Amino acid sequence: MTEAAPSLVVVEDDHRFAETLRAEFQHLGYRVETASCLADLEALRGSFDYAVIDLRIGRDSGLDAIERIRERSPRVRIVVLTGYSSIATAVQATKLGAVNYLAKPVDVDTIERALRADPEDEPIPIPEQFQSLARHEREYIEYVLAECDGNISRAARRLGIHRQSLQRKLRKYTPR
């Protein structure tokens, strides 16, 4: 009696990357389905053992994809991929049930290790881009702002700074 192949869904709007992931994971023995947006994801039937989700799926959010996949597959192990990594979105993804959060570019071996990693294993090291003090400040401000649903006044109070100071900091972080 052979064991069924683990099922994997790849939610990625970059069709080339999605097809590369599909081929590589099929070669590793997974049954793979792909979706390029939330509507495509909704059209898929069945549950999944694993999911690889891009944080930004066109106009959709990968965070919404996490919730939808977990509704139908509560025990799914999810890895979020992003080209725009931030501590705030990593925290949100983890709160929603992702087991890992990886910055692109990333190879299939790293993704598979992250999908199958035991929670007791060594944590994945923090990328260098998160290690500057200015980056930490920016990410923490973004996190608090997200926790306050974008309300500048409430976020400023939680941060212990004046609303105008927070607005100045946010302008400094926004590219012109």
Protein backbone atom coordinates (compact mmCIF):
# COMPACT_ATOMS: atom_id res chain seq x y z
CA MET A 1 0.00 0.00 0.00
CA THR A 2 1.49 3.33 -1.04
CA GLU A 3 1.03 6.54 0.88
CA ALA A 4 -0.87 9.32 -0.89
CA ALA A 5 1.23 12.19 -2.17
CA PRO A 6 0.99 15.32 -0.02
CA SER A 7 -1.16 18.05 -1.54
CA LEU A 8 0.18 21.56 -2.05
CA VAL A 9 -1.44 24.73 -3.30
CA VAL A 10 0.70 27.53 -4.71
CA VAL A 11 -0.98 30.95 -4.64
CA GLU A 12 1.21 33.15 -6.80
CA ASP A 13 0.37 35.75 -9.47
CA ASP A 14 3.74 35.44 -11.26
CA HIS A 15 2.81 32.63 -13.67
CA ARG A 16 6.41 31.67 -14.48
CA PHE A 17 7.35 31.39 -10.82
CA ALA A 18 4.13 29.48 -10.05
CA GLU A 19 4.83 27.00 -12.85
CA THR A 20 8.43 26.59 -11.68
CA LEU A 21 7.21 25.84 -8.16
CA ARG A 22 4.59 23.44 -9.53
CA ALA A 23 7.16 21.50 -11.57
CA GLU A 24 9.74 21.40 -8.78
CA PHE A 25 7.27 20.25 -6.12
CA GLN A 26 5.71 17.67 -8.45
CA HIS A 27 9.23 16.33 -9.01
CA LEU A 28 9.53 16.04 -5.21
CA GLY A 29 6.32 13.96 -5.10
CA TYR A 30 3.65 16.54 -4.25
CA ARG A 31 0.22 16.87 -5.88
CA VAL A 32 0.23 20.57 -6.80
CA GLU A 33 -2.54 23.00 -7.66
CA THR A 34 -2.00 26.68 -8.44
CA ALA A 35 -4.07 29.84 -8.10
CA SER A 36 -3.14 33.31 -9.31
CA CYS A 37 -5.78 35.20 -7.29
CA LEU A 38 -8.35 34.67 -4.54
CA ALA A 39 -11.08 33.84 -7.08
CA ASP A 40 -8.90 31.05 -8.55
CA LEU A 41 -8.24 29.78 -5.03
CA GLU A 42 -11.97 29.68 -4.26
CA ALA A 43 -12.56 27.63 -7.42
CA LEU A 44 -10.19 24.87 -6.23
CA ARG A 45 -11.83 21.94 -4.48
CA GLY A 46 -10.61 19.84 -1.60
CA SER A 47 -8.19 20.45 1.23
CA PHE A 48 -4.43 20.85 1.28
CA ASP A 49 -1.56 19.60 3.40
CA TYR A 50 0.71 22.50 2.44
CA ALA A 51 0.42 25.98 0.92
CA VAL A 52 2.92 28.44 -0.51
CA ILE A 53 1.37 31.89 -0.72
CA ASP A 54 2.74 35.12 -2.18
CA LEU A 55 1.99 38.06 0.10
CA ARG A 56 0.78 40.16 -2.82
CA ILE A 57 -1.36 38.35 -5.36
CA GLY A 58 -2.16 41.00 -7.93
CA ARG A 59 -4.75 43.20 -6.23
CA ASP A 60 -5.42 40.56 -3.54
CA SER A 61 -3.66 39.97 -0.25
CA GLY A 62 -1.95 36.72 0.58
CA LEU A 63 -3.14 37.27 4.15
CA ASP A 64 -6.71 36.76 2.91
CA ALA A 65 -5.56 33.60 1.15
CA ILE A 66 -4.17 32.27 4.44
CA GLU A 67 -7.56 32.67 6.10
CA ARG A 68 -9.44 31.03 3.25
CA ILE A 69 -7.10 28.06 3.03
CA ARG A 70 -7.15 27.54 6.80
CA GLU A 71 -10.98 27.52 6.76
CA ARG A 72 -10.99 24.48 4.50
CA SER A 73 -7.74 22.91 5.73
CA PRO A 74 -7.22 23.71 9.45
CA ARG A 75 -4.04 21.59 9.71
CA VAL A 76 -2.39 23.04 6.59
CA ARG A 77 1.22 24.21 6.90
CA ILE A 78 1.62 27.56 5.15
CA VAL A 79 4.72 29.43 4.03
CA VAL A 80 4.34 33.03 2.90
CA LEU A 81 6.71 34.40 0.26
CA THR A 82 7.26 38.07 -0.36
CA GLY A 83 9.42 40.47 -2.27
CA TYR A 84 8.41 43.19 0.21
CA SER A 85 9.24 41.72 3.59
CA SER A 86 8.34 43.56 6.76
CA ILE A 87 8.09 42.59 10.37
CA ALA A 88 4.47 43.81 10.47
CA THR A 89 3.33 41.48 7.68
CA ALA A 90 5.42 38.62 9.06
CA VAL A 91 3.65 39.01 12.42
CA GLN A 92 0.24 39.19 10.72
CA ALA A 93 0.95 36.10 8.60
CA THR A 94 2.09 34.16 11.66
CA LYS A 95 -0.96 35.22 13.67
CA LEU A 96 -3.16 33.95 10.84
CA GLY A 97 -1.41 30.59 10.88
CA ALA A 98 1.60 30.70 8.56
CA VAL A 99 4.46 28.54 9.83
CA ASN A 100 7.08 30.60 8.06
CA TYR A 101 7.67 33.80 6.09
CA LEU A 102 10.42 33.95 3.49
CA ALA A 103 11.78 36.83 1.42
CA LYS A 104 12.16 36.31 -2.33
CA PRO A 105 14.25 35.25 -4.08
CA VAL A 106 14.09 31.83 -2.49
CA ASP A 107 14.72 28.33 -3.79
CA VAL A 108 12.42 25.31 -3.63
CA ASP A 109 14.64 23.47 -1.13
CA THR A 110 14.36 26.35 1.33
CA ILE A 111 10.59 26.51 0.85
CA GLU A 112 10.22 22.79 1.42
CA ARG A 113 12.39 22.90 4.55
CA ALA A 114 10.22 25.76 5.85
CA LEU A 115 7.02 23.83 5.06
CA ARG A 116 8.18 20.68 6.83
CA ALA A 117 10.16 22.27 9.68
CA ASP A 118 9.37 21.16 13.19
CA PRO A 119 8.24 24.13 15.30
CA GLU A 120 10.91 23.14 17.83
CA ASP A 121 13.71 23.49 15.25
CA GLU A 122 16.08 26.43 15.14
CA PRO A 123 14.24 29.51 13.90
CA ILE A 124 15.14 30.83 10.47
CA PRO A 125 17.64 33.68 10.94
CA ILE A 126 16.40 37.25 10.61
CA PRO A 127 17.37 38.65 7.18
CA GLU A 128 20.03 41.36 7.20
CA GLN A 129 17.55 43.95 5.94
CA PHE A 130 15.80 43.83 9.34
CA GLN A 131 18.90 44.47 11.37
CA SER A 132 19.27 48.24 11.16
CA LEU A 133 17.77 50.36 13.92
CA ALA A 134 15.96 52.62 11.43
CA ARG A 135 14.42 49.55 9.79
CA HIS A 136 13.25 48.26 13.19
CA GLU A 137 11.65 51.61 13.97
CA ARG A 138 9.87 51.72 10.62
CA GLU A 139 8.63 48.15 10.93
CA TYR A 140 7.39 48.69 14.47
CA ILE A 141 5.53 51.84 13.42
CA GLU A 142 3.95 49.94 10.52
CA TYR A 143 2.98 47.12 12.89
CA VAL A 144 1.36 49.48 15.41
CA LEU A 145 -0.40 51.36 12.62
CA ALA A 146 -1.78 48.07 11.25
CA GLU A 147 -2.91 47.07 14.75
CA CYS A 148 -4.77 50.41 14.95
CA ASP A 149 -6.43 49.81 11.55
CA GLY A 150 -4.55 52.75 10.03
CA ASN A 151 -5.80 55.28 12.60
CA ILE A 152 -2.89 57.74 12.92
CA SER A 153 -4.11 59.33 16.17
CA ARG A 154 -4.61 55.98 17.93
CA ALA A 155 -1.26 54.67 16.67
CA ALA A 156 0.52 57.84 17.85
CA ARG A 157 -1.00 57.42 21.33
CA ARG A 158 0.14 53.77 21.47
CA LEU A 159 3.62 54.79 20.36
CA GLY A 160 3.74 57.63 22.89
CA ILE A 161 4.45 60.31 20.28
CA HIS A 162 2.50 63.24 18.88
CA ARG A 163 0.31 62.58 15.83
CA GLN A 164 2.26 65.11 13.73
CA SER A 165 5.54 63.42 14.65
CA LEU A 166 4.13 60.10 13.47
CA GLN A 167 2.96 61.69 10.23
CA ARG A 168 6.46 63.14 9.65
CA LYS A 169 8.02 59.73 10.22
CA LEU A 170 5.59 58.11 7.83
CA ARG A 171 6.33 60.71 5.14
CA LYS A 172 10.06 60.01 5.59
CA TYR A 173 9.42 56.28 4.94
CA THR A 174 7.24 56.85 1.87
CA PRO A 175 9.18 57.05 -1.40
CA ARG A 176 8.39 60.13 -3.48
